[in-house]
Amino acid sequence: TVSQLLPGTSIIIVLVAFITQDKSGYLAPGAIANLVDEIGASVIHKEGVAMSVSVNMSISYLSTAKVNDELEVTSKLLGKKGFISGTVVSVKNKATGEAIAEGRHTLFSKPASKI
């Protein structure tokens, strides 16, 4: 669910699904990485323009989440220089406010064709 969408910022509420758990019953690290990737990229995406390509991602895993936990995922644009953009994504438990992960995401946006 999109909670808030402003230029350079997005806040999205995500319910942890059964399919995203690891064998210990917690939200899988790969699912967290996917949130950082997709939601980090969404904050710079413009309709009608090709999606940007991830060139670097750094994620700190701070805690865990279980199935049916609601997560608040906040993505903010740090800056843009030329065709490179940087975002920061924080993932926290909506009920407790506990930080689950924080990631930095660098993306390359393909320049428009001059043909």
PDB file of N, CA and C in Angstrom:
ATOM      1  N   THR A   1       0.838  -1.169   0.000  1.00  0.00           N
ATOM      2  CA  THR A   1       0.000   0.000   0.000  1.00  0.00           C
ATOM      3  C   THR A   1       0.889   1.239   0.000  1.00  0.00           C
ATOM      4  N   VAL A   2       0.632   2.165  -0.901  1.00  0.00           N
ATOM      5  CA  VAL A   2       1.375   3.417  -0.927  1.00  0.00           C
ATOM      6  C   VAL A   2       0.779   4.322   0.134  1.00  0.00           C
ATOM      7  N   SER A   3       1.595   4.730   1.092  1.00  0.00           N
ATOM      8  CA  SER A   3       1.144   5.573   2.183  1.00  0.00           C
ATOM      9  C   SER A   3       1.325   7.048   1.850  1.00  0.00           C
ATOM     10  N   GLN A   4       2.474   7.379   1.256  1.00  0.00           N
ATOM     11  CA  GLN A   4       2.759   8.769   0.917  1.00  0.00           C
ATOM     12  C   GLN A   4       3.697   8.799  -0.277  1.00  0.00           C
ATOM     13  N   LEU A   5       3.418   9.692  -1.208  1.00  0.00           N
ATOM     14  CA  LEU A   5       4.238   9.819  -2.400  1.00  0.00           C
ATOM     15  C   LEU A   5       4.451  11.300  -2.668  1.00  0.00           C
ATOM     16  N   LEU A   6       5.671  11.756  -2.464  1.00  0.00           N
ATOM     17  CA  LEU A   6       6.050  13.143  -2.694  1.00  0.00           C
ATOM     18  C   LEU A   6       7.254  13.150  -3.627  1.00  0.00           C
ATOM     19  N   PRO A   7       7.545  14.273  -4.283  1.00  0.00           N
ATOM     20  CA  PRO A   7       8.745  14.308  -5.122  1.00  0.00           C
ATOM     21  C   PRO A   7       9.997  13.974  -4.299  1.00  0.00           C
ATOM     22  N   GLY A   8      10.714  12.951  -4.713  1.00  0.00           N
ATOM     23  CA  GLY A   8      11.935  12.552  -4.025  1.00  0.00           C
ATOM     24  C   GLY A   8      11.740  11.698  -2.793  1.00  0.00           C
ATOM     25  N   THR A   9      10.498  11.370  -2.430  1.00  0.00           N
ATOM     26  CA  THR A   9      10.224  10.563  -1.235  1.00  0.00           C
ATOM     27  C   THR A   9       9.015   9.662  -1.485  1.00  0.00           C
ATOM     28  N   SER A  10       9.108   8.424  -1.010  1.00  0.00           N
ATOM     29  CA  SER A  10       7.931   7.552  -1.018  1.00  0.00           C
ATOM     30  C   SER A  10       7.915   6.739   0.268  1.00  0.00           C
ATOM     31  N   ILE A  11       6.717   6.539   0.801  1.00  0.00           N
ATOM     32  CA  ILE A  11       6.527   5.700   1.982  1.00  0.00           C
ATOM     33  C   ILE A  11       5.508   4.641   1.606  1.00  0.00           C
ATOM     34  N   ILE A  12       5.902   3.390   1.742  1.00  0.00           N
ATOM     35  CA  ILE A  12       5.064   2.272   1.328  1.00  0.00           C
ATOM     36  C   ILE A  12       4.923   1.300   2.491  1.00  0.00           C
ATOM     37  N   ILE A  13       3.704   0.811   2.720  1.00  0.00           N
ATOM     38  CA  ILE A  13       3.429  -0.179   3.759  1.00  0.00           C
ATOM     39  C   ILE A  13       3.377  -1.555   3.092  1.00  0.00           C
ATOM     40  N   VAL A  14       4.169  -2.484   3.620  1.00  0.00           N
ATOM     41  CA  VAL A  14       4.271  -3.824   3.054  1.00  0.00           C
ATOM     42  C   VAL A  14       3.927  -4.840   4.137  1.00  0.00           C
ATOM     43  N   LEU A  15       3.062  -5.793   3.810  1.00  0.00           N
ATOM     44  CA  LEU A  15       2.724  -6.886   4.719  1.00  0.00           C
ATOM     45  C   LEU A  15       3.637  -8.059   4.385  1.00  0.00           C
ATOM     46  N   VAL A  16       4.352  -8.576   5.386  1.00  0.00           N
ATOM     47  CA  VAL A  16       5.261  -9.702   5.157  1.00  0.00           C
ATOM     48  C   VAL A  16       4.432 -10.947   4.835  1.00  0.00           C
ATOM     49  N   ALA A  17       4.644 -11.486   3.648  1.00  0.00           N
ATOM     50  CA  ALA A  17       3.895 -12.655   3.180  1.00  0.00           C
ATOM     51  C   ALA A  17       4.637 -13.946   3.521  1.00  0.00           C
ATOM     52  N   PHE A  18       3.876 -15.037   3.604  1.00  0.00           N
ATOM     53  CA  PHE A  18       4.430 -16.360   3.912  1.00  0.00           C
ATOM     54  C   PHE A  18       5.553 -16.731   2.949  1.00  0.00           C
ATOM     55  N   ILE A  19       5.371 -16.418   1.688  1.00  0.00           N
ATOM     56  CA  ILE A  19       6.324 -16.826   0.650  1.00  0.00           C
ATOM     57  C   ILE A  19       7.680 -16.120   0.784  1.00  0.00           C
ATOM     58  N   THR A  20       7.747 -15.020   1.539  1.00  0.00           N
ATOM     59  CA  THR A  20       9.002 -14.263   1.668  1.00  0.00           C
ATOM     60  C   THR A  20       9.825 -14.668   2.893  1.00  0.00           C
ATOM     61  N   GLN A  21       9.389 -15.697   3.615  1.00  0.00           N
ATOM     62  CA  GLN A  21      10.128 -16.089   4.821  1.00  0.00           C
ATOM     63  C   GLN A  21      11.260 -17.058   4.490  1.00  0.00           C
ATOM     64  N   ASP A  22      12.286 -17.037   5.339  1.00  0.00           N
ATOM     65  CA  ASP A  22      13.372 -18.004   5.197  1.00  0.00           C
ATOM     66  C   ASP A  22      13.019 -19.253   6.005  1.00  0.00           C
ATOM     67  N   LYS A  23      13.946 -20.211   6.093  1.00  0.00           N
ATOM     68  CA  LYS A  23      13.627 -21.461   6.796  1.00  0.00           C
ATOM     69  C   LYS A  23      13.488 -21.285   8.304  1.00  0.00           C
ATOM     70  N   SER A  24      13.910 -20.140   8.848  1.00  0.00           N
ATOM     71  CA  SER A  24      13.732 -19.861  10.277  1.00  0.00           C
ATOM     72  C   SER A  24      12.398 -19.180  10.581  1.00  0.00           C
ATOM     73  N   GLY A  25      11.647 -18.841   9.533  1.00  0.00           N
ATOM     74  CA  GLY A  25      10.353 -18.193   9.724  1.00  0.00           C
ATOM     75  C   GLY A  25      10.412 -16.672   9.736  1.00  0.00           C
ATOM     76  N   TYR A  26      11.561 -16.100   9.402  1.00  0.00           N
ATOM     77  CA  TYR A  26      11.716 -14.647   9.361  1.00  0.00           C
ATOM     78  C   TYR A  26      11.757 -14.155   7.913  1.00  0.00           C
ATOM     79  N   LEU A  27      11.562 -12.870   7.737  1.00  0.00           N
ATOM     80  CA  LEU A  27      11.651 -12.275   6.414  1.00  0.00           C
ATOM     81  C   LEU A  27      13.049 -12.526   5.853  1.00  0.00           C
ATOM     82  N   ALA A  28      13.107 -13.112   4.670  1.00  0.00           N
ATOM     83  CA  ALA A  28      14.383 -13.489   4.055  1.00  0.00           C
ATOM     84  C   ALA A  28      15.197 -12.250   3.677  1.00  0.00           C
ATOM     85  N   PRO A  29      16.519 -12.311   3.860  1.00  0.00           N
ATOM     86  CA  PRO A  29      17.370 -11.188   3.469  1.00  0.00           C
ATOM     87  C   PRO A  29      17.214 -10.805   1.995  1.00  0.00           C
ATOM     88  N   GLY A  30      16.984 -11.778   1.140  1.00  0.00           N
ATOM     89  CA  GLY A  30      16.769 -11.494  -0.283  1.00  0.00           C
ATOM     90  C   GLY A  30      15.511 -10.679  -0.520  1.00  0.00           C
ATOM     91  N   ALA A  31      14.481 -10.909   0.286  1.00  0.00           N
ATOM     92  CA  ALA A  31      13.248 -10.129   0.164  1.00  0.00           C
ATOM     93  C   ALA A  31      13.496  -8.685   0.590  1.00  0.00           C
ATOM     94  N   ILE A  32      14.321  -8.490   1.614  1.00  0.00           N
ATOM     95  CA  ILE A  32      14.673  -7.139   2.057  1.00  0.00           C
ATOM     96  C   ILE A  32      15.477  -6.444   0.957  1.00  0.00           C
ATOM     97  N   ALA A  33      16.425  -7.159   0.357  1.00  0.00           N
ATOM     98  CA  ALA A  33      17.221  -6.584  -0.733  1.00  0.00           C
ATOM     99  C   ALA A  33      16.322  -6.188  -1.898  1.00  0.00           C
ATOM    100  N   ASN A  34      15.306  -6.988  -2.178  1.00  0.00           N
ATOM    101  CA  ASN A  34      14.372  -6.666  -3.255  1.00  0.00           C
ATOM    102  C   ASN A  34      13.595  -5.388  -2.928  1.00  0.00           C
ATOM    103  N   LEU A  35      13.179  -5.214  -1.670  1.00  0.00           N
ATOM    104  CA  LEU A  35      12.498  -3.985  -1.271  1.00  0.00           C
ATOM    105  C   LEU A  35      13.401  -2.766  -1.477  1.00  0.00           C
ATOM    106  N   VAL A  36      14.653  -2.883  -1.062  1.00  0.00           N
ATOM    107  CA  VAL A  36      15.601  -1.772  -1.227  1.00  0.00           C
ATOM    108  C   VAL A  36      15.779  -1.459  -2.715  1.00  0.00           C
ATOM    109  N   ASP A  37      15.898  -2.484  -3.536  1.00  0.00           N
ATOM    110  CA  ASP A  37      16.090  -2.307  -4.974  1.00  0.00           C
ATOM    111  C   ASP A  37      14.871  -1.654  -5.619  1.00  0.00           C
ATOM    112  N   GLU A  38      13.710  -2.251  -5.457  1.00  0.00           N
ATOM    113  CA  GLU A  38      12.508  -1.781  -6.142  1.00  0.00           C
ATOM    114  C   GLU A  38      12.002  -0.435  -5.625  1.00  0.00           C
ATOM    115  N   ILE A  39      11.950  -0.281  -4.323  1.00  0.00           N
ATOM    116  CA  ILE A  39      11.408   0.956  -3.759  1.00  0.00           C
ATOM    117  C   ILE A  39      12.431   2.084  -3.867  1.00  0.00           C
ATOM    118  N   GLY A  40      13.719   1.735  -3.792  1.00  0.00           N
ATOM    119  CA  GLY A  40      14.753   2.738  -4.034  1.00  0.00           C
ATOM    120  C   GLY A  40      14.699   3.266  -5.457  1.00  0.00           C
ATOM    121  N   ALA A  41      14.467   2.385  -6.418  1.00  0.00           N
ATOM    122  CA  ALA A  41      14.385   2.797  -7.825  1.00  0.00           C
ATOM    123  C   ALA A  41      13.098   3.564  -8.107  1.00  0.00           C
ATOM    124  N   SER A  42      12.032   3.235  -7.399  1.00  0.00           N
ATOM    125  CA  SER A  42      10.736   3.876  -7.678  1.00  0.00           C
ATOM    126  C   SER A  42      10.742   5.370  -7.386  1.00  0.00           C
ATOM    127  N   VAL A  43      11.592   5.801  -6.462  1.00  0.00           N
ATOM    128  CA  VAL A  43      11.593   7.208  -6.076  1.00  0.00           C
ATOM    129  C   VAL A  43      12.192   8.104  -7.169  1.00  0.00           C
ATOM    130  N   ILE A  44      12.951   7.521  -8.110  1.00  0.00           N
ATOM    131  CA  ILE A  44      13.518   8.328  -9.186  1.00  0.00           C
ATOM    132  C   ILE A  44      12.878   8.033 -10.541  1.00  0.00           C
ATOM    133  N   HIS A  45      12.012   7.022 -10.617  1.00  0.00           N
ATOM    134  CA  HIS A  45      11.410   6.630 -11.895  1.00  0.00           C
ATOM    135  C   HIS A  45      10.431   7.688 -12.403  1.00  0.00           C
ATOM    136  N   LYS A  46      10.480   7.918 -13.702  1.00  0.00           N
ATOM    137  CA  LYS A  46       9.543   8.830 -14.353  1.00  0.00           C
ATOM    138  C   LYS A  46       8.801   8.048 -15.415  1.00  0.00           C
ATOM    139  N   GLU A  47       7.488   8.234 -15.482  1.00  0.00           N
ATOM    140  CA  GLU A  47       6.669   7.518 -16.450  1.00  0.00           C
ATOM    141  C   GLU A  47       7.094   7.883 -17.868  1.00  0.00           C
ATOM    142  N   GLY A  48       7.171   6.869 -18.719  1.00  0.00           N
ATOM    143  CA  GLY A  48       7.548   7.076 -20.100  1.00  0.00           C
ATOM    144  C   GLY A  48       9.053   7.036 -20.337  1.00  0.00           C
ATOM    145  N   VAL A  49       9.834   6.896 -19.266  1.00  0.00           N
ATOM    146  CA  VAL A  49      11.291   6.835 -19.360  1.00  0.00           C
ATOM    147  C   VAL A  49      11.723   5.429 -18.928  1.00  0.00           C
ATOM    148  N   ALA A  50      12.736   4.905 -19.606  1.00  0.00           N
ATOM    149  CA  ALA A  50      13.224   3.562 -19.262  1.00  0.00           C
ATOM    150  C   ALA A  50      13.649   3.503 -17.798  1.00  0.00           C
ATOM    151  N   MET A  51      13.437   2.345 -17.157  1.00  0.00           N
ATOM    152  CA  MET A  51      13.841   2.159 -15.762  1.00  0.00           C
ATOM    153  C   MET A  51      15.353   2.301 -15.633  1.00  0.00           C
ATOM    154  N   SER A  52      15.777   2.798 -14.498  1.00  0.00           N
ATOM    155  CA  SER A  52      17.203   2.935 -14.203  1.00  0.00           C
ATOM    156  C   SER A  52      17.800   1.573 -13.870  1.00  0.00           C
ATOM    157  N   VAL A  53      19.110   1.478 -13.969  1.00  0.00           N
ATOM    158  CA  VAL A  53      19.835   0.245 -13.691  1.00  0.00           C
ATOM    159  C   VAL A  53      20.597   0.409 -12.386  1.00  0.00           C
ATOM    160  N   SER A  54      20.496  -0.570 -11.508  1.00  0.00           N
ATOM    161  CA  SER A  54      21.241  -0.543 -10.248  1.00  0.00           C
ATOM    162  C   SER A  54      22.722  -0.743 -10.531  1.00  0.00           C
ATOM    163  N   VAL A  55      23.563   0.122  -9.966  1.00  0.00           N
ATOM    164  CA  VAL A  55      25.000  -0.059 -10.113  1.00  0.00           C
ATOM    165  C   VAL A  55      25.667  -0.395  -8.781  1.00  0.00           C
ATOM    166  N   ASN A  56      24.985  -0.098  -7.674  1.00  0.00           N
ATOM    167  CA  ASN A  56      25.527  -0.437  -6.362  1.00  0.00           C
ATOM    168  C   ASN A  56      24.410  -0.423  -5.329  1.00  0.00           C
ATOM    169  N   MET A  57      24.452  -1.397  -4.418  1.00  0.00           N
ATOM    170  CA  MET A  57      23.519  -1.435  -3.294  1.00  0.00           C
ATOM    171  C   MET A  57      24.293  -1.872  -2.064  1.00  0.00           C
ATOM    172  N   SER A  58      24.052  -1.173  -0.964  1.00  0.00           N
ATOM    173  CA  SER A  58      24.668  -1.531   0.303  1.00  0.00           C
ATOM    174  C   SER A  58      23.551  -1.593   1.335  1.00  0.00           C
ATOM    175  N   ILE A  59      23.416  -2.738   2.007  1.00  0.00           N
ATOM    176  CA  ILE A  59      22.305  -2.931   2.944  1.00  0.00           C
ATOM    177  C   ILE A  59      22.836  -3.358   4.305  1.00  0.00           C
ATOM    178  N   SER A  60      22.365  -2.688   5.345  1.00  0.00           N
ATOM    179  CA  SER A  60      22.650  -3.095   6.726  1.00  0.00           C
ATOM    180  C   SER A  60      21.404  -3.786   7.263  1.00  0.00           C
ATOM    181  N   TYR A  61      21.543  -5.048   7.644  1.00  0.00           N
ATOM    182  CA  TYR A  61      20.439  -5.818   8.211  1.00  0.00           C
ATOM    183  C   TYR A  61      20.499  -5.654   9.725  1.00  0.00           C
ATOM    184  N   LEU A  62      19.488  -5.024  10.303  1.00  0.00           N
ATOM    185  CA  LEU A  62      19.527  -4.648  11.709  1.00  0.00           C
ATOM    186  C   LEU A  62      18.666  -5.525  12.608  1.00  0.00           C
ATOM    187  N   SER A  63      17.578  -6.063  12.082  1.00  0.00           N
ATOM    188  CA  SER A  63      16.654  -6.869  12.873  1.00  0.00           C
ATOM    189  C   SER A  63      15.895  -7.796  11.929  1.00  0.00           C
ATOM    190  N   THR A  64      14.861  -8.441  12.438  1.00  0.00           N
ATOM    191  CA  THR A  64      14.078  -9.379  11.635  1.00  0.00           C
ATOM    192  C   THR A  64      12.598  -9.012  11.681  1.00  0.00           C
ATOM    193  N   ALA A  65      11.847  -9.629  10.792  1.00  0.00           N
ATOM    194  CA  ALA A  65      10.392  -9.464  10.772  1.00  0.00           C
ATOM    195  C   ALA A  65       9.777 -10.826  10.513  1.00  0.00           C
ATOM    196  N   LYS A  66       8.568 -11.027  11.007  1.00  0.00           N
ATOM    197  CA  LYS A  66       7.859 -12.297  10.833  1.00  0.00           C
ATOM    198  C   LYS A  66       6.685 -12.122   9.883  1.00  0.00           C
ATOM    199  N   VAL A  67       6.145 -13.236   9.420  1.00  0.00           N
ATOM    200  CA  VAL A  67       4.963 -13.238   8.561  1.00  0.00           C
ATOM    201  C   VAL A  67       3.840 -12.462   9.245  1.00  0.00           C
ATOM    202  N   ASN A  68       3.140 -11.655   8.468  1.00  0.00           N
ATOM    203  CA  ASN A  68       2.025 -10.792   8.869  1.00  0.00           C
ATOM    204  C   ASN A  68       2.450  -9.506   9.589  1.00  0.00           C
ATOM    205  N   ASP A  69       3.756  -9.276   9.767  1.00  0.00           N
ATOM    206  CA  ASP A  69       4.213  -7.975  10.265  1.00  0.00           C
ATOM    207  C   ASP A  69       4.006  -6.939   9.160  1.00  0.00           C
ATOM    208  N   GLU A  70       3.621  -5.730   9.561  1.00  0.00           N
ATOM    209  CA  GLU A  70       3.533  -4.633   8.607  1.00  0.00           C
ATOM    210  C   GLU A  70       4.833  -3.847   8.670  1.00  0.00           C
ATOM    211  N   LEU A  71       5.415  -3.617   7.508  1.00  0.00           N
ATOM    212  CA  LEU A  71       6.664  -2.876   7.422  1.00  0.00           C
ATOM    213  C   LEU A  71       6.407  -1.532   6.749  1.00  0.00           C
ATOM    214  N   GLU A  72       7.063  -0.504   7.253  1.00  0.00           N
ATOM    215  CA  GLU A  72       7.013   0.805   6.621  1.00  0.00           C
ATOM    216  C   GLU A  72       8.347   0.998   5.900  1.00  0.00           C
ATOM    217  N   VAL A  73       8.278   1.128   4.593  1.00  0.00           N
ATOM    218  CA  VAL A  73       9.483   1.261   3.773  1.00  0.00           C
ATOM    219  C   VAL A  73       9.525   2.690   3.232  1.00  0.00           C
ATOM    220  N   THR A  74      10.543   3.430   3.640  1.00  0.00           N
ATOM    221  CA  THR A  74      10.684   4.828   3.234  1.00  0.00           C
ATOM    222  C   THR A  74      11.889   4.963   2.326  1.00  0.00           C
ATOM    223  N   SER A  75      11.685   5.561   1.164  1.00  0.00           N
ATOM    224  CA  SER A  75      12.761   5.793   0.214  1.00  0.00           C
ATOM    225  C   SER A  75      12.883   7.291  -0.030  1.00  0.00           C
ATOM    226  N   LYS A  76      14.124   7.780  -0.001  1.00  0.00           N
ATOM    227  CA  LYS A  76      14.374   9.207  -0.243  1.00  0.00           C
ATOM    228  C   LYS A  76      15.501   9.356  -1.248  1.00  0.00           C
ATOM    229  N   LEU A  77      15.336  10.321  -2.132  1.00  0.00           N
ATOM    230  CA  LEU A  77      16.377  10.657  -3.091  1.00  0.00           C
ATOM    231  C   LEU A  77      17.454  11.453  -2.377  1.00  0.00           C
ATOM    232  N   LEU A  78      18.679  10.950  -2.409  1.00  0.00           N
ATOM    233  CA  LEU A  78      19.803  11.668  -1.799  1.00  0.00           C
ATOM    234  C   LEU A  78      20.333  12.742  -2.735  1.00  0.00           C
ATOM    235  N   GLY A  79      20.349  12.435  -4.029  1.00  0.00           N
ATOM    236  CA  GLY A  79      20.846  13.400  -4.998  1.00  0.00           C
ATOM    237  C   GLY A  79      20.983  12.784  -6.368  1.00  0.00           C
ATOM    238  N   LYS A  80      21.250  13.657  -7.334  1.00  0.00           N
ATOM    239  CA  LYS A  80      21.408  13.224  -8.720  1.00  0.00           C
ATOM    240  C   LYS A  80      22.500  14.075  -9.344  1.00  0.00           C
ATOM    241  N   LYS A  81      23.431  13.413 -10.037  1.00  0.00           N
ATOM    242  CA  LYS A  81      24.481  14.118 -10.743  1.00  0.00           C
ATOM    243  C   LYS A  81      24.647  13.439 -12.094  1.00  0.00           C
ATOM    244  N   GLY A  82      24.358  14.182 -13.136  1.00  0.00           N
ATOM    245  CA  GLY A  82      24.401  13.594 -14.474  1.00  0.00           C
ATOM    246  C   GLY A  82      23.360  12.492 -14.590  1.00  0.00           C
ATOM    247  N   PHE A  83      23.833  11.295 -14.914  1.00  0.00           N
ATOM    248  CA  PHE A  83      22.928  10.159 -15.084  1.00  0.00           C
ATOM    249  C   PHE A  83      22.917   9.232 -13.869  1.00  0.00           C
ATOM    250  N   ILE A  84      23.588   9.632 -12.789  1.00  0.00           N
ATOM    251  CA  ILE A  84      23.681   8.812 -11.580  1.00  0.00           C
ATOM    252  C   ILE A  84      22.802   9.412 -10.478  1.00  0.00           C
ATOM    253  N   SER A  85      22.012   8.567  -9.820  1.00  0.00           N
ATOM    254  CA  SER A  85      21.163   8.987  -8.699  1.00  0.00           C
ATOM    255  C   SER A  85      21.459   8.112  -7.488  1.00  0.00           C
ATOM    256  N   GLY A  86      21.281   8.668  -6.308  1.00  0.00           N
ATOM    257  CA  GLY A  86      21.462   7.917  -5.076  1.00  0.00           C
ATOM    258  C   GLY A  86      20.212   8.013  -4.221  1.00  0.00           C
ATOM    259  N   THR A  87      19.823   6.891  -3.644  1.00  0.00           N
ATOM    260  CA  THR A  87      18.665   6.864  -2.744  1.00  0.00           C
ATOM    261  C   THR A  87      19.053   6.163  -1.445  1.00  0.00           C
ATOM    262  N   VAL A  88      18.291   6.447  -0.405  1.00  0.00           N
ATOM    263  CA  VAL A  88      18.431   5.729   0.859  1.00  0.00           C
ATOM    264  C   VAL A  88      17.059   5.143   1.176  1.00  0.00           C
ATOM    265  N   VAL A  89      17.051   3.894   1.609  1.00  0.00           N
ATOM    266  CA  VAL A  89      15.802   3.188   1.900  1.00  0.00           C
ATOM    267  C   VAL A  89      15.873   2.655   3.330  1.00  0.00           C
ATOM    268  N   SER A  90      14.863   2.983   4.134  1.00  0.00           N
ATOM    269  CA  SER A  90      14.797   2.419   5.489  1.00  0.00           C
ATOM    270  C   SER A  90      13.575   1.530   5.593  1.00  0.00           C
ATOM    271  N   VAL A  91      13.761   0.395   6.248  1.00  0.00           N
ATOM    272  CA  VAL A  91      12.692  -0.575   6.461  1.00  0.00           C
ATOM    273  C   VAL A  91      12.518  -0.715   7.960  1.00  0.00           C
ATOM    274  N   LYS A  92      11.297  -0.423   8.454  1.00  0.00           N
ATOM    275  CA  LYS A  92      11.058  -0.570   9.891  1.00  0.00           C
ATOM    276  C   LYS A  92       9.711  -1.230  10.147  1.00  0.00           C
ATOM    277  N   ASN A  93       9.604  -1.859  11.303  1.00  0.00           N
ATOM    278  CA  ASN A  93       8.352  -2.481  11.721  1.00  0.00           C
ATOM    279  C   ASN A  93       7.373  -1.360  12.043  1.00  0.00           C
ATOM    280  N   LYS A  94       6.225  -1.354  11.373  1.00  0.00           N
ATOM    281  CA  LYS A  94       5.275  -0.258  11.554  1.00  0.00           C
ATOM    282  C   LYS A  94       4.712  -0.213  12.972  1.00  0.00           C
ATOM    283  N   ALA A  95       4.462  -1.361  13.573  1.00  0.00           N
ATOM    284  CA  ALA A  95       3.851  -1.414  14.913  1.00  0.00           C
ATOM    285  C   ALA A  95       4.824  -0.997  16.014  1.00  0.00           C
ATOM    286  N   THR A  96       6.074  -1.462  15.915  1.00  0.00           N
ATOM    287  CA  THR A  96       7.038  -1.213  16.993  1.00  0.00           C
ATOM    288  C   THR A  96       8.004  -0.074  16.698  1.00  0.00           C
ATOM    289  N   GLY A  97       8.140   0.302  15.422  1.00  0.00           N
ATOM    290  CA  GLY A  97       9.096   1.325  15.033  1.00  0.00           C
ATOM    291  C   GLY A  97      10.520   0.813  14.955  1.00  0.00           C
ATOM    292  N   GLU A  98      10.720  -0.489  15.210  1.00  0.00           N
ATOM    293  CA  GLU A  98      12.060  -1.078  15.196  1.00  0.00           C
ATOM    294  C   GLU A  98      12.630  -1.101  13.776  1.00  0.00           C
ATOM    295  N   ALA A  99      13.883  -0.677  13.626  1.00  0.00           N
ATOM    296  CA  ALA A  99      14.556  -0.690  12.335  1.00  0.00           C
ATOM    297  C   ALA A  99      14.877  -2.129  11.932  1.00  0.00           C
ATOM    298  N   ILE A 100      14.485  -2.510  10.731  1.00  0.00           N
ATOM    299  CA  ILE A 100      14.754  -3.844  10.197  1.00  0.00           C
ATOM    300  C   ILE A 100      16.003  -3.795   9.306  1.00  0.00           C
ATOM    301  N   ALA A 101      16.079  -2.784   8.451  1.00  0.00           N
ATOM    302  CA  ALA A 101      17.219  -2.655   7.540  1.00  0.00           C
ATOM    303  C   ALA A 101      17.316  -1.228   7.028  1.00  0.00           C
ATOM    304  N   GLU A 102      18.518  -0.890   6.553  1.00  0.00           N
ATOM    305  CA  GLU A 102      18.714   0.388   5.881  1.00  0.00           C
ATOM    306  C   GLU A 102      19.642   0.144   4.708  1.00  0.00           C
ATOM    307  N   GLY A 103      19.276   0.701   3.570  1.00  0.00           N
ATOM    308  CA  GLY A 103      20.079   0.484   2.378  1.00  0.00           C
ATOM    309  C   GLY A 103      20.345   1.764   1.619  1.00  0.00           C
ATOM    310  N   ARG A 104      21.463   1.777   0.934  1.00  0.00           N
ATOM    311  CA  ARG A 104      21.801   2.855   0.001  1.00  0.00           C
ATOM    312  C   ARG A 104      21.858   2.230  -1.387  1.00  0.00           C
ATOM    313  N   HIS A 105      21.306   2.964  -2.333  1.00  0.00           N
ATOM    314  CA  HIS A 105      21.116   2.415  -3.664  1.00  0.00           C
ATOM    315  C   HIS A 105      21.576   3.447  -4.685  1.00  0.00           C
ATOM    316  N   THR A 106      22.510   3.063  -5.554  1.00  0.00           N
ATOM    317  CA  THR A 106      22.987   3.936  -6.624  1.00  0.00           C
ATOM    318  C   THR A 106      22.466   3.398  -7.948  1.00  0.00           C
ATOM    319  N   LEU A 107      21.923   4.310  -8.778  1.00  0.00           N
ATOM    320  CA  LEU A 107      21.310   3.900 -10.029  1.00  0.00           C
ATOM    321  C   LEU A 107      21.817   4.742 -11.189  1.00  0.00           C
ATOM    322  N   PHE A 108      21.869   4.128 -12.367  1.00  0.00           N
ATOM    323  CA  PHE A 108      22.244   4.816 -13.596  1.00  0.00           C
ATOM    324  C   PHE A 108      21.005   4.930 -14.469  1.00  0.00           C
ATOM    325  N   SER A 109      20.714   6.134 -14.917  1.00  0.00           N
ATOM    326  CA  SER A 109      19.581   6.371 -15.812  1.00  0.00           C
ATOM    327  C   SER A 109      20.111   6.560 -17.217  1.00  0.00           C
ATOM    328  N   LYS A 110      19.625   5.753 -18.119  1.00  0.00           N
ATOM    329  CA  LYS A 110      20.069   5.817 -19.508  1.00  0.00           C
ATOM    330  C   LYS A 110      19.663   7.160 -20.119  1.00  0.00           C
ATOM    331  N   PRO A 111      20.602   7.840 -20.769  1.00  0.00           N
ATOM    332  CA  PRO A 111      20.239   9.105 -21.419  1.00  0.00           C
ATOM    333  C   PRO A 111      19.265   8.863 -22.574  1.00  0.00           C
ATOM    334  N   ALA A 112      18.437   9.849 -22.829  1.00  0.00           N
ATOM    335  CA  ALA A 112      17.471   9.746 -23.915  1.00  0.00           C
ATOM    336  C   ALA A 112      18.207   9.677 -25.265  1.00  0.00           C
ATOM    337  N   SER A 113      17.689   8.882 -26.173  1.00  0.00           N
ATOM    338  CA  SER A 113      18.276   8.747 -27.509  1.00  0.00           C
ATOM    339  C   SER A 113      18.068  10.021 -28.301  1.00  0.00           C
ATOM    340  N   LYS A 114      19.061  10.386 -29.078  1.00  0.00           N
ATOM    341  CA  LYS A 114      18.961  11.589 -29.916  1.00  0.00           C
ATOM    342  C   LYS A 114      18.638  11.235 -31.368  1.00  0.00           C
ATOM    343  N   ILE A 115      18.216  10.009 -31.592  1.00  0.00           N
ATOM    344  CA  ILE A 115      17.895   9.564 -32.953  1.00  0.00           C
ATOM    345  C   ILE A 115      16.506  10.017 -33.318  1.00  0.00           C
TER     346      ILE A 115
END
